[in-house]
Amino acid sequence: MGTIHTKLNNRNTNNKTLTNNNYRGLFLESNNLATVDEVIHLGHCVLREGWNGNFSSPIKPRLTSGAKVLDVGCGSGAWICEMSSDYPTSRYIGIDLLPLFPTTKPFNVQFIHHDFLNGLPFPDATFDFVHIRFMIFDLTEIQWEQFMYSELMRVCKVGGWIEISDPELKFINEGPITERINYSCRKKLQSRGINPNVTSLHSQHFSSTPNISSPIYHEHREFTISSRLSHDKLAQSFTTYTLESYRCILNSIGHELKLYTNNSNVRRNSLMKSIKKSNNSENIRRSSSRDSSSSNQGGKDAEIDKLLKTIETEFENYGTRAKIHRFYAMKTE
């Protein structure tokens, strides 16, 4: 399973962004924005195919006639740009903390670089449709309860719809290595104050928000994770998405799993032999530094590749599946 290649270049972020206690921090600690962006975009395509559409809310008539749509945590804007093409009479705003936005965008799309935990920068009752997806990794349960639901509601018009989509972070039928990695990911999220089981609480918290319709509509899909089902392109794509997501995570927290071996003694012994053979110690130090850095990364990549192969085999042997949910409701008077 090779690394996803990307042509996205010249994207920068700052130290504040990288150290935020959110999911992008989990993914970006040892990964670049372009790689993560590519994985996120693949995930978008898989979800669209799995759900046979980009939303479940009954908002299509309003989108067709012309609506104002907000995508919170829009990433690189894949969802919002597709929506703008499907419903060109509507207007769209995407907001995110990270500068993943495309350099060219549709005429009816606007992107705003903003930390929405400081408040969504819009007046009350601005949008007909408010969409938020895969923010389970970004927000603590307290932030969801005390801020996010009410803030989404505030900017939504009466009669407008709010839709939340999140995965379960524990797979169905996990193998032992997969279970170990997922457990470590959930523990890291908990260390950042994030409840990894918050998806199961969305209906409860959503329904307790004032001015929300009842019932809260809830749908879910199960995604097979298998690369051997040649007839099932969705399963193959979801497997690629899952494994590349693991690659990003392992780059960041693999050391917490004691994934990498310690080759320092081997490198030191090799260096001492080289010193005995040459008097040019400065060149040796420079060469050693370059070789050590390259060797470390190469060894790390090789171990991750090996681990991903084991995980992929577990997916097949255990019949692993993932479950993703959508919750949606209308704002009332």
C-alpha atoms as a PDB file:
ATOM      1  CA  MET A   1       0.000   0.000   0.000  1.00  0.00           C
ATOM      2  CA  GLY A   2       1.861   3.093  -1.222  1.00  0.00           C
ATOM      3  CA  THR A   3       1.616   6.649  -0.053  1.00  0.00           C
ATOM      4  CA  ILE A   4      -0.989   8.735  -1.863  1.00  0.00           C
ATOM      5  CA  HIS A   5       0.808  11.218  -4.112  1.00  0.00           C
ATOM      6  CA  THR A   6      -0.422  14.766  -4.550  1.00  0.00           C
ATOM      7  CA  LYS A   7       0.275  17.737  -6.785  1.00  0.00           C
ATOM      8  CA  LEU A   8      -0.797  20.242  -4.174  1.00  0.00           C
ATOM      9  CA  ASN A   9       2.044  22.606  -3.392  1.00  0.00           C
ATOM     10  CA  ASN A  10       2.877  25.856  -1.641  1.00  0.00           C
ATOM     11  CA  ARG A  11       0.530  25.403   1.294  1.00  0.00           C
ATOM     12  CA  ASN A  12       1.762  26.742   4.594  1.00  0.00           C
ATOM     13  CA  THR A  13       0.503  26.765   8.145  1.00  0.00           C
ATOM     14  CA  ASN A  14       1.803  28.148  11.398  1.00  0.00           C
ATOM     15  CA  ASN A  15       2.860  26.746  14.733  1.00  0.00           C
ATOM     16  CA  LYS A  16      -0.382  27.755  16.395  1.00  0.00           C
ATOM     17  CA  THR A  17      -2.358  25.690  13.921  1.00  0.00           C
ATOM     18  CA  LEU A  18      -0.132  22.659  14.308  1.00  0.00           C
ATOM     19  CA  THR A  19      -0.357  22.634  18.093  1.00  0.00           C
ATOM     20  CA  ASN A  20      -4.120  23.040  18.325  1.00  0.00           C
ATOM     21  CA  ASN A  21      -5.811  20.318  20.359  1.00  0.00           C
ATOM     22  CA  ASN A  22      -7.753  18.969  17.440  1.00  0.00           C
ATOM     23  CA  TYR A  23      -7.821  16.206  14.891  1.00  0.00           C
ATOM     24  CA  ARG A  24      -5.653  18.081  12.436  1.00  0.00           C
ATOM     25  CA  GLY A  25      -3.008  18.222  15.128  1.00  0.00           C
ATOM     26  CA  LEU A  26      -3.262  14.441  15.418  1.00  0.00           C
ATOM     27  CA  PHE A  27      -2.779  14.074  11.672  1.00  0.00           C
ATOM     28  CA  LEU A  28      -0.325  16.897  11.048  1.00  0.00           C
ATOM     29  CA  GLU A  29       2.289  16.393  13.738  1.00  0.00           C
ATOM     30  CA  SER A  30       4.455  14.419  11.297  1.00  0.00           C
ATOM     31  CA  ASN A  31       2.583  14.885   8.007  1.00  0.00           C
ATOM     32  CA  ASN A  32       2.300  17.712   5.522  1.00  0.00           C
ATOM     33  CA  LEU A  33      -0.905  19.496   4.629  1.00  0.00           C
ATOM     34  CA  ALA A  34      -0.944  18.233   1.056  1.00  0.00           C
ATOM     35  CA  THR A  35      -0.873  14.574   2.127  1.00  0.00           C
ATOM     36  CA  VAL A  36      -3.631  15.062   4.691  1.00  0.00           C
ATOM     37  CA  ASP A  37      -5.668  17.058   2.176  1.00  0.00           C
ATOM     38  CA  GLU A  38      -5.439  14.189  -0.302  1.00  0.00           C
ATOM     39  CA  VAL A  39      -6.692  11.714   2.299  1.00  0.00           C
ATOM     40  CA  ILE A  40      -9.560  14.015   3.296  1.00  0.00           C
ATOM     41  CA  HIS A  41     -10.586  14.431  -0.348  1.00  0.00           C
ATOM     42  CA  LEU A  42     -10.591  10.666  -0.891  1.00  0.00           C
ATOM     43  CA  GLY A  43     -12.762  10.297   2.204  1.00  0.00           C
ATOM     44  CA  HIS A  44     -15.207  12.817   0.777  1.00  0.00           C
ATOM     45  CA  CYS A  45     -15.523  10.847  -2.473  1.00  0.00           C
ATOM     46  CA  VAL A  46     -16.070   7.582  -0.589  1.00  0.00           C
ATOM     47  CA  LEU A  47     -18.763   9.074   1.643  1.00  0.00           C
ATOM     48  CA  ARG A  48     -20.581  10.620  -1.311  1.00  0.00           C
ATOM     49  CA  GLU A  49     -20.699   7.251  -3.077  1.00  0.00           C
ATOM     50  CA  GLY A  50     -21.648   5.351   0.077  1.00  0.00           C
ATOM     51  CA  TRP A  51     -24.557   7.666   0.792  1.00  0.00           C
ATOM     52  CA  ASN A  52     -25.401   8.198  -2.870  1.00  0.00           C
ATOM     53  CA  GLY A  53     -25.304  11.937  -2.294  1.00  0.00           C
ATOM     54  CA  ASN A  54     -23.717  14.748  -0.333  1.00  0.00           C
ATOM     55  CA  PHE A  55     -26.548  15.291   2.156  1.00  0.00           C
ATOM     56  CA  SER A  56     -29.662  13.680   3.629  1.00  0.00           C
ATOM     57  CA  SER A  57     -31.638  16.745   4.768  1.00  0.00           C
ATOM     58  CA  PRO A  58     -34.763  17.486   2.674  1.00  0.00           C
ATOM     59  CA  ILE A  59     -33.263  20.748   1.467  1.00  0.00           C
ATOM     60  CA  LYS A  60     -33.050  20.044  -2.281  1.00  0.00           C
ATOM     61  CA  PRO A  61     -35.992  22.304  -3.347  1.00  0.00           C
ATOM     62  CA  ARG A  62     -34.474  25.261  -1.518  1.00  0.00           C
ATOM     63  CA  LEU A  63     -31.011  24.545  -2.949  1.00  0.00           C
ATOM     64  CA  THR A  64     -32.506  24.428  -6.423  1.00  0.00           C
ATOM     65  CA  SER A  65     -34.302  27.744  -6.043  1.00  0.00           C
ATOM     66  CA  GLY A  66     -31.341  29.399  -4.319  1.00  0.00           C
ATOM     67  CA  ALA A  67     -30.166  29.000  -0.729  1.00  0.00           C
ATOM     68  CA  LYS A  68     -27.303  30.121   1.463  1.00  0.00           C
ATOM     69  CA  VAL A  69     -25.170  27.217   2.699  1.00  0.00           C
ATOM     70  CA  LEU A  70     -22.467  27.036   5.391  1.00  0.00           C
ATOM     71  CA  ASP A  71     -19.914  24.205   5.650  1.00  0.00           C
ATOM     72  CA  VAL A  72     -18.181  24.235   9.046  1.00  0.00           C
ATOM     73  CA  GLY A  73     -14.741  22.618   9.009  1.00  0.00           C
ATOM     74  CA  CYS A  74     -14.758  22.576   5.206  1.00  0.00           C
ATOM     75  CA  GLY A  75     -11.140  21.430   4.745  1.00  0.00           C
ATOM     76  CA  SER A  76     -10.097  21.786   1.126  1.00  0.00           C
ATOM     77  CA  GLY A  77     -13.674  22.492   0.085  1.00  0.00           C
ATOM     78  CA  ALA A  78     -14.459  19.276  -1.803  1.00  0.00           C
ATOM     79  CA  TRP A  79     -17.995  19.025  -0.414  1.00  0.00           C
ATOM     80  CA  ILE A  80     -18.858  22.670  -0.907  1.00  0.00           C
ATOM     81  CA  CYS A  81     -17.408  22.886  -4.422  1.00  0.00           C
ATOM     82  CA  GLU A  82     -19.405  19.846  -5.532  1.00  0.00           C
ATOM     83  CA  MET A  83     -22.544  21.300  -3.995  1.00  0.00           C
ATOM     84  CA  SER A  84     -21.948  24.577  -5.814  1.00  0.00           C
ATOM     85  CA  SER A  85     -21.781  22.692  -9.105  1.00  0.00           C
ATOM     86  CA  ASP A  86     -24.881  20.606  -8.397  1.00  0.00           C
ATOM     87  CA  TYR A  87     -26.928  23.607  -7.212  1.00  0.00           C
ATOM     88  CA  PRO A  88     -25.379  26.681  -8.866  1.00  0.00           C
ATOM     89  CA  THR A  89     -28.165  29.087  -7.912  1.00  0.00           C
ATOM     90  CA  SER A  90     -27.220  28.761  -4.235  1.00  0.00           C
ATOM     91  CA  ARG A  91     -24.371  30.537  -2.434  1.00  0.00           C
ATOM     92  CA  TYR A  92     -21.813  28.746  -0.285  1.00  0.00           C
ATOM     93  CA  ILE A  93     -19.398  29.645   2.487  1.00  0.00           C
ATOM     94  CA  GLY A  94     -16.761  27.265   3.847  1.00  0.00           C
ATOM     95  CA  ILE A  95     -14.941  27.968   7.083  1.00  0.00           C
ATOM     96  CA  ASP A  96     -11.897  26.229   8.539  1.00  0.00           C
ATOM     97  CA  LEU A  97      -8.945  26.848  10.831  1.00  0.00           C
ATOM     98  CA  LEU A  98      -6.449  25.407   8.345  1.00  0.00           C
ATOM     99  CA  PRO A  99      -5.575  27.076   5.023  1.00  0.00           C
ATOM    100  CA  LEU A 100      -6.449  24.070   2.845  1.00  0.00           C
ATOM    101  CA  PHE A 101      -8.650  26.069   0.489  1.00  0.00           C
ATOM    102  CA  PRO A 102      -8.160  25.704  -3.280  1.00  0.00           C
ATOM    103  CA  THR A 103      -6.448  28.529  -5.159  1.00  0.00           C
ATOM    104  CA  THR A 104      -9.310  28.645  -7.672  1.00  0.00           C
ATOM    105  CA  LYS A 105     -12.930  28.326  -6.657  1.00  0.00           C
ATOM    106  CA  PRO A 106     -16.419  28.475  -8.174  1.00  0.00           C
ATOM    107  CA  PHE A 107     -18.035  31.882  -8.540  1.00  0.00           C
ATOM    108  CA  ASN A 108     -20.645  31.118  -5.864  1.00  0.00           C
ATOM    109  CA  VAL A 109     -18.208  29.882  -3.190  1.00  0.00           C
ATOM    110  CA  GLN A 110     -16.385  31.842  -0.500  1.00  0.00           C
ATOM    111  CA  PHE A 111     -13.803  30.477   1.947  1.00  0.00           C
ATOM    112  CA  ILE A 112     -13.032  31.993   5.343  1.00  0.00           C
ATOM    113  CA  HIS A 113      -9.939  31.142   7.403  1.00  0.00           C
ATOM    114  CA  HIS A 114     -11.256  31.314  10.963  1.00  0.00           C
ATOM    115  CA  ASP A 115     -11.315  29.386  14.240  1.00  0.00           C
ATOM    116  CA  PHE A 116     -15.035  28.762  14.631  1.00  0.00           C
ATOM    117  CA  LEU A 117     -14.573  28.111  18.364  1.00  0.00           C
ATOM    118  CA  ASN A 118     -14.250  31.876  18.609  1.00  0.00           C
ATOM    119  CA  GLY A 119     -17.789  32.017  17.234  1.00  0.00           C
ATOM    120  CA  LEU A 120     -19.104  31.705  13.695  1.00  0.00           C
ATOM    121  CA  PRO A 121     -18.568  35.170  12.152  1.00  0.00           C
ATOM    122  CA  PHE A 122     -22.110  35.578  10.836  1.00  0.00           C
ATOM    123  CA  PRO A 123     -25.306  37.259  12.031  1.00  0.00           C
ATOM    124  CA  ASP A 124     -28.202  35.250  13.422  1.00  0.00           C
ATOM    125  CA  ALA A 125     -30.410  33.396  10.922  1.00  0.00           C
ATOM    126  CA  THR A 126     -28.021  33.717   7.959  1.00  0.00           C
ATOM    127  CA  PHE A 127     -28.097  30.233   6.391  1.00  0.00           C
ATOM    128  CA  ASP A 128     -30.718  27.891   4.973  1.00  0.00           C
ATOM    129  CA  PHE A 129     -28.468  24.849   5.366  1.00  0.00           C
ATOM    130  CA  VAL A 130     -25.628  24.326   7.871  1.00  0.00           C
ATOM    131  CA  HIS A 131     -23.383  21.323   7.286  1.00  0.00           C
ATOM    132  CA  ILE A 132     -20.659  19.932   9.568  1.00  0.00           C
ATOM    133  CA  ARG A 133     -18.805  16.672   8.999  1.00  0.00           C
ATOM    134  CA  PHE A 134     -16.147  14.619  10.817  1.00  0.00           C
ATOM    135  CA  MET A 135     -15.624  17.160  13.572  1.00  0.00           C
ATOM    136  CA  ILE A 136     -15.713  14.432  16.216  1.00  0.00           C
ATOM    137  CA  PHE A 137     -11.912  14.741  16.300  1.00  0.00           C
ATOM    138  CA  ASP A 138     -11.861  18.497  16.802  1.00  0.00           C
ATOM    139  CA  LEU A 139     -14.317  19.296  19.572  1.00  0.00           C
ATOM    140  CA  THR A 140     -14.536  18.260  23.194  1.00  0.00           C
ATOM    141  CA  GLU A 141     -17.864  16.999  24.441  1.00  0.00           C
ATOM    142  CA  ILE A 142     -18.234  20.190  26.492  1.00  0.00           C
ATOM    143  CA  GLN A 143     -17.643  22.296  23.384  1.00  0.00           C
ATOM    144  CA  TRP A 144     -20.319  20.342  21.565  1.00  0.00           C
ATOM    145  CA  GLU A 145     -22.788  20.638  24.453  1.00  0.00           C
ATOM    146  CA  GLN A 146     -22.182  24.206  25.546  1.00  0.00           C
ATOM    147  CA  PHE A 147     -21.280  25.860  22.271  1.00  0.00           C
ATOM    148  CA  MET A 148     -21.374  24.060  18.939  1.00  0.00           C
ATOM    149  CA  TYR A 149     -24.987  22.920  18.703  1.00  0.00           C
ATOM    150  CA  SER A 150     -26.317  26.294  19.792  1.00  0.00           C
ATOM    151  CA  GLU A 151     -23.907  28.159  17.505  1.00  0.00           C
ATOM    152  CA  LEU A 152     -24.960  26.084  14.486  1.00  0.00           C
ATOM    153  CA  MET A 153     -28.554  26.786  15.454  1.00  0.00           C
ATOM    154  CA  ARG A 154     -27.920  30.509  15.857  1.00  0.00           C
ATOM    155  CA  VAL A 155     -26.711  31.062  12.308  1.00  0.00           C
ATOM    156  CA  CYS A 156     -29.425  28.863  10.777  1.00  0.00           C
ATOM    157  CA  LYS A 157     -32.671  30.415   9.575  1.00  0.00           C
ATOM    158  CA  VAL A 158     -36.024  29.309  10.940  1.00  0.00           C
ATOM    159  CA  GLY A 159     -37.106  26.487   8.663  1.00  0.00           C
ATOM    160  CA  GLY A 160     -33.505  25.802   7.691  1.00  0.00           C
ATOM    161  CA  TRP A 161     -31.704  22.503   8.241  1.00  0.00           C
ATOM    162  CA  ILE A 162     -28.610  21.476  10.198  1.00  0.00           C
ATOM    163  CA  GLU A 163     -26.784  18.243   9.328  1.00  0.00           C
ATOM    164  CA  ILE A 164     -24.005  16.559  11.316  1.00  0.00           C
ATOM    165  CA  SER A 165     -22.030  13.577  10.033  1.00  0.00           C
ATOM    166  CA  ASP A 166     -19.534  11.607  12.127  1.00  0.00           C
ATOM    167  CA  PRO A 167     -18.043   8.098  12.259  1.00  0.00           C
ATOM    168  CA  GLU A 168     -17.815   5.589  15.049  1.00  0.00           C
ATOM    169  CA  LEU A 169     -14.172   5.297  16.023  1.00  0.00           C
ATOM    170  CA  LYS A 170     -14.413   1.610  16.878  1.00  0.00           C
ATOM    171  CA  PHE A 171     -14.801  -0.713  13.901  1.00  0.00           C
ATOM    172  CA  ILE A 172     -17.060  -3.742  13.714  1.00  0.00           C
ATOM    173  CA  ASN A 173     -14.954  -6.940  13.929  1.00  0.00           C
ATOM    174  CA  GLU A 174     -11.536  -5.465  14.637  1.00  0.00           C
ATOM    175  CA  GLY A 175      -8.431  -7.622  14.517  1.00  0.00           C
ATOM    176  CA  PRO A 176      -5.923  -7.429  17.416  1.00  0.00           C
ATOM    177  CA  ILE A 177      -3.483  -5.000  15.744  1.00  0.00           C
ATOM    178  CA  THR A 178      -6.309  -2.797  14.449  1.00  0.00           C
ATOM    179  CA  GLU A 179      -7.902  -2.799  17.898  1.00  0.00           C
ATOM    180  CA  ARG A 180      -4.597  -1.825  19.528  1.00  0.00           C
ATOM    181  CA  ILE A 181      -4.062   1.101  17.173  1.00  0.00           C
ATOM    182  CA  ASN A 182      -7.652   2.321  17.446  1.00  0.00           C
ATOM    183  CA  TYR A 183      -7.472   2.079  21.224  1.00  0.00           C
ATOM    184  CA  SER A 184      -4.321   4.221  21.225  1.00  0.00           C
ATOM    185  CA  CYS A 185      -5.977   6.783  18.932  1.00  0.00           C
ATOM    186  CA  ARG A 186      -8.982   7.009  21.220  1.00  0.00           C
ATOM    187  CA  LYS A 187      -6.721   7.418  24.251  1.00  0.00           C
ATOM    188  CA  LYS A 188      -4.860  10.248  22.544  1.00  0.00           C
ATOM    189  CA  LEU A 189      -8.133  11.977  21.733  1.00  0.00           C
ATOM    190  CA  GLN A 190      -9.207  11.599  25.354  1.00  0.00           C
ATOM    191  CA  SER A 191      -5.913  13.160  26.458  1.00  0.00           C
ATOM    192  CA  ARG A 192      -6.949  16.198  24.405  1.00  0.00           C
ATOM    193  CA  GLY A 193     -10.329  16.348  26.131  1.00  0.00           C
ATOM    194  CA  ILE A 194     -12.205  14.795  23.203  1.00  0.00           C
ATOM    195  CA  ASN A 195     -14.833  12.104  23.757  1.00  0.00           C
ATOM    196  CA  PRO A 196     -14.210   9.465  21.062  1.00  0.00           C
ATOM    197  CA  ASN A 197     -17.758   8.172  21.553  1.00  0.00           C
ATOM    198  CA  VAL A 198     -19.491  11.502  21.029  1.00  0.00           C
ATOM    199  CA  THR A 199     -21.166  10.279  17.813  1.00  0.00           C
ATOM    200  CA  SER A 200     -23.446   8.100  19.934  1.00  0.00           C
ATOM    201  CA  LEU A 201     -24.465  11.223  21.886  1.00  0.00           C
ATOM    202  CA  HIS A 202     -25.313  13.506  18.964  1.00  0.00           C
ATOM    203  CA  SER A 203     -29.038  12.729  18.973  1.00  0.00           C
ATOM    204  CA  GLN A 204     -29.307  13.329  22.727  1.00  0.00           C
ATOM    205  CA  HIS A 205     -27.367  16.611  22.697  1.00  0.00           C
ATOM    206  CA  PHE A 206     -28.938  17.800  19.466  1.00  0.00           C
ATOM    207  CA  SER A 207     -32.490  17.213  20.719  1.00  0.00           C
ATOM    208  CA  SER A 208     -31.820  19.173  23.925  1.00  0.00           C
ATOM    209  CA  THR A 209     -30.882  22.277  21.898  1.00  0.00           C
ATOM    210  CA  PRO A 210     -33.650  24.899  21.930  1.00  0.00           C
ATOM    211  CA  ASN A 211     -35.651  25.532  18.748  1.00  0.00           C
ATOM    212  CA  ILE A 212     -34.838  22.221  17.124  1.00  0.00           C
ATOM    213  CA  SER A 213     -37.467  20.054  15.462  1.00  0.00           C
ATOM    214  CA  SER A 214     -38.465  16.658  16.778  1.00  0.00           C
ATOM    215  CA  PRO A 215     -37.590  13.965  15.959  1.00  0.00           C
ATOM    216  CA  ILE A 216     -33.904  14.257  15.144  1.00  0.00           C
ATOM    217  CA  TYR A 217     -33.494  12.301  11.927  1.00  0.00           C
ATOM    218  CA  HIS A 218     -30.752   9.710  12.033  1.00  0.00           C
ATOM    219  CA  GLU A 219     -29.274   7.509   9.305  1.00  0.00           C
ATOM    220  CA  HIS A 220     -26.187   5.327   9.222  1.00  0.00           C
ATOM    221  CA  ARG A 221     -24.225   3.323   6.689  1.00  0.00           C
ATOM    222  CA  GLU A 222     -21.857   0.401   7.145  1.00  0.00           C
ATOM    223  CA  PHE A 223     -18.768   0.362   4.925  1.00  0.00           C
ATOM    224  CA  THR A 224     -16.973  -2.889   4.169  1.00  0.00           C
ATOM    225  CA  ILE A 225     -13.203  -2.567   4.458  1.00  0.00           C
ATOM    226  CA  SER A 226     -11.739  -4.960   1.900  1.00  0.00           C
ATOM    227  CA  SER A 227      -9.345  -4.563  -1.020  1.00  0.00           C
ATOM    228  CA  ARG A 228      -9.949  -8.069  -2.358  1.00  0.00           C
ATOM    229  CA  LEU A 229     -13.541  -7.516  -3.477  1.00  0.00           C
ATOM    230  CA  SER A 230     -12.722  -6.680  -7.086  1.00  0.00           C
ATOM    231  CA  HIS A 231     -16.417  -6.174  -7.882  1.00  0.00           C
ATOM    232  CA  ASP A 232     -16.896  -3.715  -4.994  1.00  0.00           C
ATOM    233  CA  LYS A 233     -15.128  -0.489  -5.944  1.00  0.00           C
ATOM    234  CA  LEU A 234     -16.561   1.313  -2.918  1.00  0.00           C
ATOM    235  CA  ALA A 235     -15.020  -1.221  -0.522  1.00  0.00           C
ATOM    236  CA  GLN A 236     -11.680  -0.889  -2.276  1.00  0.00           C
ATOM    237  CA  SER A 237     -11.796   2.913  -2.105  1.00  0.00           C
ATOM    238  CA  PHE A 238     -12.832   2.885   1.541  1.00  0.00           C
ATOM    239  CA  THR A 239      -9.958   0.514   2.308  1.00  0.00           C
ATOM    240  CA  THR A 240      -7.486   2.860   0.623  1.00  0.00           C
ATOM    241  CA  TYR A 241      -8.927   5.799   2.563  1.00  0.00           C
ATOM    242  CA  THR A 242      -8.735   3.889   5.854  1.00  0.00           C
ATOM    243  CA  LEU A 243      -5.171   2.673   5.352  1.00  0.00           C
ATOM    244  CA  GLU A 244      -3.894   6.086   4.279  1.00  0.00           C
ATOM    245  CA  SER A 245      -5.608   7.629   7.305  1.00  0.00           C
ATOM    246  CA  TYR A 246      -3.758   5.087   9.439  1.00  0.00           C
ATOM    247  CA  ARG A 247      -0.514   6.051   7.699  1.00  0.00           C
ATOM    248  CA  CYS A 248      -0.988   9.680   8.730  1.00  0.00           C
ATOM    249  CA  ILE A 249      -1.863   8.680  12.286  1.00  0.00           C
ATOM    250  CA  LEU A 250       1.053   6.284  12.619  1.00  0.00           C
ATOM    251  CA  ASN A 251       3.435   8.961  11.397  1.00  0.00           C
ATOM    252  CA  SER A 252       2.234  11.034  14.343  1.00  0.00           C
ATOM    253  CA  ILE A 253       1.701   8.539  17.173  1.00  0.00           C
ATOM    254  CA  GLY A 254       3.514   5.395  16.030  1.00  0.00           C
ATOM    255  CA  HIS A 255       6.136   5.999  18.707  1.00  0.00           C
ATOM    256  CA  GLU A 256       3.394   5.787  21.342  1.00  0.00           C
ATOM    257  CA  LEU A 257       2.657   2.289  20.080  1.00  0.00           C
ATOM    258  CA  LYS A 258       6.378   1.480  20.366  1.00  0.00           C
ATOM    259  CA  LEU A 259       6.260   0.929  16.633  1.00  0.00           C
ATOM    260  CA  TYR A 260       9.819   1.849  15.778  1.00  0.00           C
ATOM    261  CA  THR A 261      12.986   0.037  16.733  1.00  0.00           C
ATOM    262  CA  ASN A 262      15.938   1.843  18.244  1.00  0.00           C
ATOM    263  CA  ASN A 263      18.908   1.665  15.874  1.00  0.00           C
ATOM    264  CA  SER A 264      21.065   4.198  17.718  1.00  0.00           C
ATOM    265  CA  ASN A 265      23.650   1.619  18.854  1.00  0.00           C
ATOM    266  CA  VAL A 266      23.987   0.243  15.346  1.00  0.00           C
ATOM    267  CA  ARG A 267      24.476   3.730  13.929  1.00  0.00           C
ATOM    268  CA  ARG A 268      26.982   4.634  16.669  1.00  0.00           C
ATOM    269  CA  ASN A 269      29.081   1.503  16.112  1.00  0.00           C
ATOM    270  CA  SER A 270      29.089   2.105  12.378  1.00  0.00           C
ATOM    271  CA  LEU A 271      30.210   5.684  12.940  1.00  0.00           C
ATOM    272  CA  MET A 272      33.069   4.650  15.233  1.00  0.00           C
ATOM    273  CA  LYS A 273      34.374   2.230  12.591  1.00  0.00           C
ATOM    274  CA  SER A 274      34.307   5.051  10.044  1.00  0.00           C
ATOM    275  CA  ILE A 275      36.231   7.349  12.355  1.00  0.00           C
ATOM    276  CA  LYS A 276      39.006   4.805  12.700  1.00  0.00           C
ATOM    277  CA  LYS A 277      39.329   4.676   8.911  1.00  0.00           C
ATOM    278  CA  SER A 278      39.529   8.419   8.329  1.00  0.00           C
ATOM    279  CA  ASN A 279      40.932  11.544   9.919  1.00  0.00           C
ATOM    280  CA  ASN A 280      38.276  13.816   8.366  1.00  0.00           C
ATOM    281  CA  SER A 281      35.906  13.832  11.309  1.00  0.00           C
ATOM    282  CA  GLU A 282      33.944  16.881  10.127  1.00  0.00           C
ATOM    283  CA  ASN A 283      32.953  15.153   6.902  1.00  0.00           C
ATOM    284  CA  ILE A 284      32.068  12.057   8.871  1.00  0.00           C
ATOM    285  CA  ARG A 285      29.779  14.042  11.186  1.00  0.00           C
ATOM    286  CA  ARG A 286      27.996  15.671   8.269  1.00  0.00           C
ATOM    287  CA  SER A 287      27.638  12.408   6.391  1.00  0.00           C
ATOM    288  CA  SER A 288      26.449  10.630   9.519  1.00  0.00           C
ATOM    289  CA  SER A 289      23.803  13.278  10.172  1.00  0.00           C
ATOM    290  CA  ARG A 290      22.418  13.023   6.649  1.00  0.00           C
ATOM    291  CA  ASP A 291      22.558   9.236   6.585  1.00  0.00           C
ATOM    292  CA  SER A 292      20.987   8.960  10.039  1.00  0.00           C
ATOM    293  CA  SER A 293      18.066  11.212   9.125  1.00  0.00           C
ATOM    294  CA  SER A 294      17.461   9.374   5.867  1.00  0.00           C
ATOM    295  CA  SER A 295      17.825   5.998   7.562  1.00  0.00           C
ATOM    296  CA  ASN A 296      15.418   6.945  10.351  1.00  0.00           C
ATOM    297  CA  GLN A 297      12.697   8.039   7.943  1.00  0.00           C
ATOM    298  CA  GLY A 298      13.263   5.077   5.644  1.00  0.00           C
ATOM    299  CA  GLY A 299      13.089   2.672   8.557  1.00  0.00           C
ATOM    300  CA  LYS A 300       9.965   4.328   9.885  1.00  0.00           C
ATOM    301  CA  ASP A 301       8.250   4.181   6.488  1.00  0.00           C
ATOM    302  CA  ALA A 302       9.189   0.517   6.084  1.00  0.00           C
ATOM    303  CA  GLU A 303       7.766  -0.372   9.491  1.00  0.00           C
ATOM    304  CA  ILE A 304       4.564   1.530   8.781  1.00  0.00           C
ATOM    305  CA  ASP A 305       4.214  -0.236   5.419  1.00  0.00           C
ATOM    306  CA  LYS A 306       4.639  -3.578   7.174  1.00  0.00           C
ATOM    307  CA  LEU A 307       2.090  -2.676   9.829  1.00  0.00           C
ATOM    308  CA  LEU A 308      -0.425  -1.455   7.249  1.00  0.00           C
ATOM    309  CA  LYS A 309      -0.093  -4.747   5.405  1.00  0.00           C
ATOM    310  CA  THR A 310      -0.900  -6.566   8.643  1.00  0.00           C
ATOM    311  CA  ILE A 311      -3.911  -4.331   9.217  1.00  0.00           C
ATOM    312  CA  GLU A 312      -5.128  -4.896   5.663  1.00  0.00           C
ATOM    313  CA  THR A 313      -4.876  -8.655   6.186  1.00  0.00           C
ATOM    314  CA  GLU A 314      -6.860  -8.326   9.416  1.00  0.00           C
ATOM    315  CA  PHE A 315      -9.574  -6.422   7.561  1.00  0.00           C
ATOM    316  CA  GLU A 316      -9.969  -9.413   5.236  1.00  0.00           C
ATOM    317  CA  ASN A 317      -9.719 -12.149   7.854  1.00  0.00           C
ATOM    318  CA  TYR A 318     -12.039 -10.555  10.407  1.00  0.00           C
ATOM    319  CA  GLY A 319     -14.587  -9.003   8.022  1.00  0.00           C
ATOM    320  CA  THR A 320     -14.003  -5.518   9.438  1.00  0.00           C
ATOM    321  CA  ARG A 321     -16.601  -2.835   8.774  1.00  0.00           C
ATOM    322  CA  ALA A 322     -16.930   0.856   9.625  1.00  0.00           C
ATOM    323  CA  LYS A 323     -20.111   2.687  10.581  1.00  0.00           C
ATOM    324  CA  ILE A 324     -20.785   6.347   9.752  1.00  0.00           C
ATOM    325  CA  HIS A 325     -23.794   8.393  10.873  1.00  0.00           C
ATOM    326  CA  ARG A 326     -25.784  11.401   9.716  1.00  0.00           C
ATOM    327  CA  PHE A 327     -28.022  13.442  12.013  1.00  0.00           C
ATOM    328  CA  TYR A 328     -30.243  16.218  10.679  1.00  0.00           C
ATOM    329  CA  ALA A 329     -33.034  18.420  11.962  1.00  0.00           C
ATOM    330  CA  MET A 330     -34.905  21.626  11.155  1.00  0.00           C
ATOM    331  CA  LYS A 331     -34.758  24.845  13.145  1.00  0.00           C
ATOM    332  CA  THR A 332     -38.177  25.866  14.470  1.00  0.00           C
ATOM    333  CA  GLU A 333     -39.527  29.122  15.896  1.00  0.00           C
END
